[in-house]
Protein backbone atom coordinates (compact mmCIF):
# COMPACT_ATOMS: atom_id res chain seq x y z
CA MET A 1 -14.78 -14.46 5.66
CA PHE A 2 -11.52 -13.13 4.02
CA LYS A 3 -9.24 -16.01 2.77
CA ARG A 4 -6.59 -13.82 0.53
CA ILE A 5 -6.10 -10.02 1.87
CA ALA A 6 -4.20 -7.43 -0.27
CA VAL A 7 -2.13 -4.67 1.82
CA ALA A 8 -0.75 -1.62 0.13
CA LEU A 9 2.35 -0.02 1.74
CA ASP A 10 4.30 2.90 1.57
CA ALA A 11 6.62 4.33 4.14
CA SER A 12 3.82 6.60 5.70
CA ASP A 13 2.42 6.08 9.29
CA ALA A 14 -0.93 5.08 8.02
CA ALA A 15 0.54 2.48 5.85
CA GLN A 16 2.25 0.91 8.70
CA GLU A 17 -1.02 0.96 10.61
CA ALA A 18 -2.93 -0.72 7.59
CA LEU A 19 -0.33 -3.32 7.93
CA LYS A 20 -0.86 -3.68 11.74
CA VAL A 21 -4.83 -4.05 10.82
CA ALA A 22 -4.06 -6.57 7.72
CA LEU A 23 -2.02 -8.54 10.25
CA GLN A 24 -4.37 -8.72 12.50
CA LEU A 25 -7.22 -9.57 10.31
CA ALA A 26 -5.15 -12.56 8.76
CA GLN A 27 -4.33 -14.06 11.99
CA THR A 28 -7.94 -13.98 12.70
CA GLU A 29 -9.44 -15.24 9.21
CA ARG A 30 -6.31 -17.40 8.96
CA ALA A 31 -5.95 -15.66 5.52
CA GLU A 32 -2.88 -15.05 3.11
CA LEU A 33 -1.47 -11.49 2.85
CA GLY A 34 -0.34 -10.25 -0.43
CA ILE A 35 1.79 -7.10 0.05
CA CYS A 36 2.36 -4.19 -2.30
CA SER A 37 4.47 -1.30 -2.65
CA VAL A 38 4.31 0.80 -5.63
CA VAL A 39 6.76 3.65 -6.75
CA ASP A 40 5.29 6.63 -8.87
CA PRO A 41 7.98 7.84 -11.42
CA ILE A 42 5.97 10.61 -12.10
CA VAL A 43 6.59 12.00 -8.25
CA VAL A 44 9.74 12.24 -9.08
CA ALA A 45 10.07 13.39 -12.96
CA GLY A 46 6.77 15.01 -13.38
CA ILE A 47 5.51 15.59 -17.01
CA SER A 48 9.19 16.33 -17.87
CA ALA A 49 11.55 13.45 -20.06
CA PRO A 50 13.49 11.42 -17.37
CA THR A 51 17.00 11.89 -16.84
CA PRO A 52 20.11 9.92 -15.45
CA ALA A 53 19.36 12.03 -12.34
CA THR A 54 15.63 10.75 -12.39
CA GLU A 55 15.96 7.58 -12.98
CA ILE A 56 18.92 7.24 -9.93
CA VAL A 57 16.67 8.54 -7.56
CA VAL A 58 13.80 6.22 -9.08
CA ARG A 59 15.90 2.86 -8.98
CA GLY A 60 16.36 4.25 -5.00
CA MET A 61 13.00 4.27 -4.23
CA GLU A 62 12.14 0.81 -5.75
CA VAL A 63 14.89 -0.82 -3.52
CA GLU A 64 13.06 1.13 -0.74
CA ALA A 65 9.74 -0.22 -2.15
CA ARG A 66 11.62 -3.79 -1.84
CA HIS A 67 12.77 -3.07 1.46
CA LEU A 68 9.13 -2.44 2.71
CA VAL A 69 8.06 -5.54 1.31
CA THR A 70 10.32 -7.60 2.72
CA GLY A 71 10.20 -6.52 6.22
CA ALA A 72 6.51 -6.93 5.90
CA ILE A 73 6.62 -10.34 4.61
CA ASP A 74 9.30 -10.92 7.52
CA ARG A 75 6.79 -9.32 10.23
CA ALA A 76 3.76 -11.37 8.89
CA HIS A 77 6.00 -14.71 9.17
CA GLN A 78 6.85 -13.73 12.61
CA VAL A 79 3.06 -13.89 13.52
CA GLY A 80 2.36 -17.29 11.69
CA VAL A 81 0.86 -15.50 8.85
CA LYS A 82 1.55 -16.54 4.92
CA ALA A 83 2.62 -13.87 3.02
CA SER A 84 4.30 -12.91 -0.34
CA GLY A 85 4.27 -9.87 -2.06
CA GLN A 86 6.21 -7.64 -4.45
CA ALA A 87 7.27 -3.94 -5.33
CA ARG A 88 5.53 -2.11 -8.45
CA THR A 89 6.51 0.79 -10.72
CA GLY A 90 3.60 2.82 -11.89
CA VAL A 91 0.17 5.01 -11.43
CA PRO A 92 -0.01 3.68 -7.55
CA ALA A 93 -3.95 3.19 -7.61
CA PHE A 94 -3.98 1.30 -10.58
CA GLU A 95 -1.17 -1.12 -9.89
CA VAL A 96 -2.61 -1.59 -6.12
CA LEU A 97 -5.55 -2.72 -8.15
CA ARG A 98 -3.95 -4.63 -10.76
CA TYR A 99 -1.70 -6.63 -7.72
CA ALA A 100 -4.71 -7.14 -5.69
CA TYR A 101 -6.87 -8.93 -8.69
CA ASN A 102 -3.57 -10.85 -9.59
CA PHE A 103 -2.93 -12.14 -5.93
CA GLY A 104 -6.96 -13.18 -6.04
CA ALA A 105 -7.55 -10.85 -2.91
CA ASP A 106 -10.92 -10.44 -1.86
CA LEU A 107 -10.07 -7.57 0.79
CA ILE A 108 -7.71 -4.56 0.05
CA VAL A 109 -6.05 -3.04 3.38
CA MET A 110 -4.64 0.43 2.96
CA GLY A 111 -3.81 3.66 4.58
CA THR A 112 -4.80 7.00 3.83
CA HIS A 113 -2.92 10.26 4.66
CA GLY A 114 -6.04 12.24 5.10
CA ARG A 115 -5.26 14.98 2.86
CA HIS A 116 -8.02 17.50 2.44
CA GLY A 117 -7.85 20.98 0.48
CA ILE A 118 -5.37 22.54 -1.96
CA LYS A 119 -2.91 19.32 -0.85
CA HIS A 120 -5.90 16.83 -1.58
CA PHE A 121 -6.52 18.65 -5.27
CA LEU A 122 -3.00 18.79 -6.26
CA MET A 123 -1.92 14.77 -5.05
CA GLY A 124 -4.96 13.37 -4.77
CA SER A 125 -5.94 10.23 -3.20
CA VAL A 126 -4.87 6.74 -4.39
CA ALA A 127 -7.24 5.23 -1.29
CA GLU A 128 -10.00 7.16 -2.65
CA VAL A 129 -9.30 5.73 -6.42
CA VAL A 130 -8.86 2.20 -5.06
CA LEU A 131 -12.13 2.69 -3.09
CA ARG A 132 -13.81 4.18 -6.33
CA GLU A 133 -12.43 1.69 -8.58
CA ALA A 134 -12.31 -1.81 -6.69
CA SER A 135 -14.82 -4.55 -7.01
CA ILE A 136 -13.77 -6.27 -4.07
CA PRO A 137 -14.17 -4.50 -0.43
CA VAL A 138 -11.60 -1.94 0.84
CA LEU A 139 -10.67 -1.32 4.36
CA VAL A 140 -8.98 1.87 4.75
CA VAL A 141 -6.62 2.70 7.54
CA ARG A 142 -6.38 6.35 9.03
CA ALA A 143 -2.94 6.50 11.46
CA ALA A 144 -4.20 9.64 12.64
CA ALA A 145 -7.67 8.28 13.92
CA ARG A 146 -6.11 5.47 15.84
CA ASN A 147 -3.47 7.82 17.51
CA ALA A 148 -6.17 10.03 18.58
CA GLN A 149 -7.56 6.98 20.56
CA ALA A 150 -4.60 6.33 22.35
CA ALA A 151 -4.42 9.56 23.56
């Protein structure tokens, strides 16, 4: 059913759960994984002009994003799943969508932090925007739900 699955990663528990689900799906469907991690420079710099200090922080985040992608590709290869990936910089929801479409994905898998109330209002939800804007199915994985089942 699914032949090309895009998975969005960050350093969160929810994203790691999403990767597990994507790997299982890719194995079952004999699908290829496209792994994407996005650095949002606005989180660091806000609306002010970039400074050398913020640029250093963003560069460090980009290195971390590349490590996340490389590690996920290695995990995929270890379980026999063909995978490639890319670290990107920009608005996370739109970069995930752009990556998925360029990859030719027929499914996007991603985690959600499950923020509510003021945190959701202030930070928004990358998963919510991807769900609203995607023209392909999106599977959203919440780490808390999986942890609750294990208890």
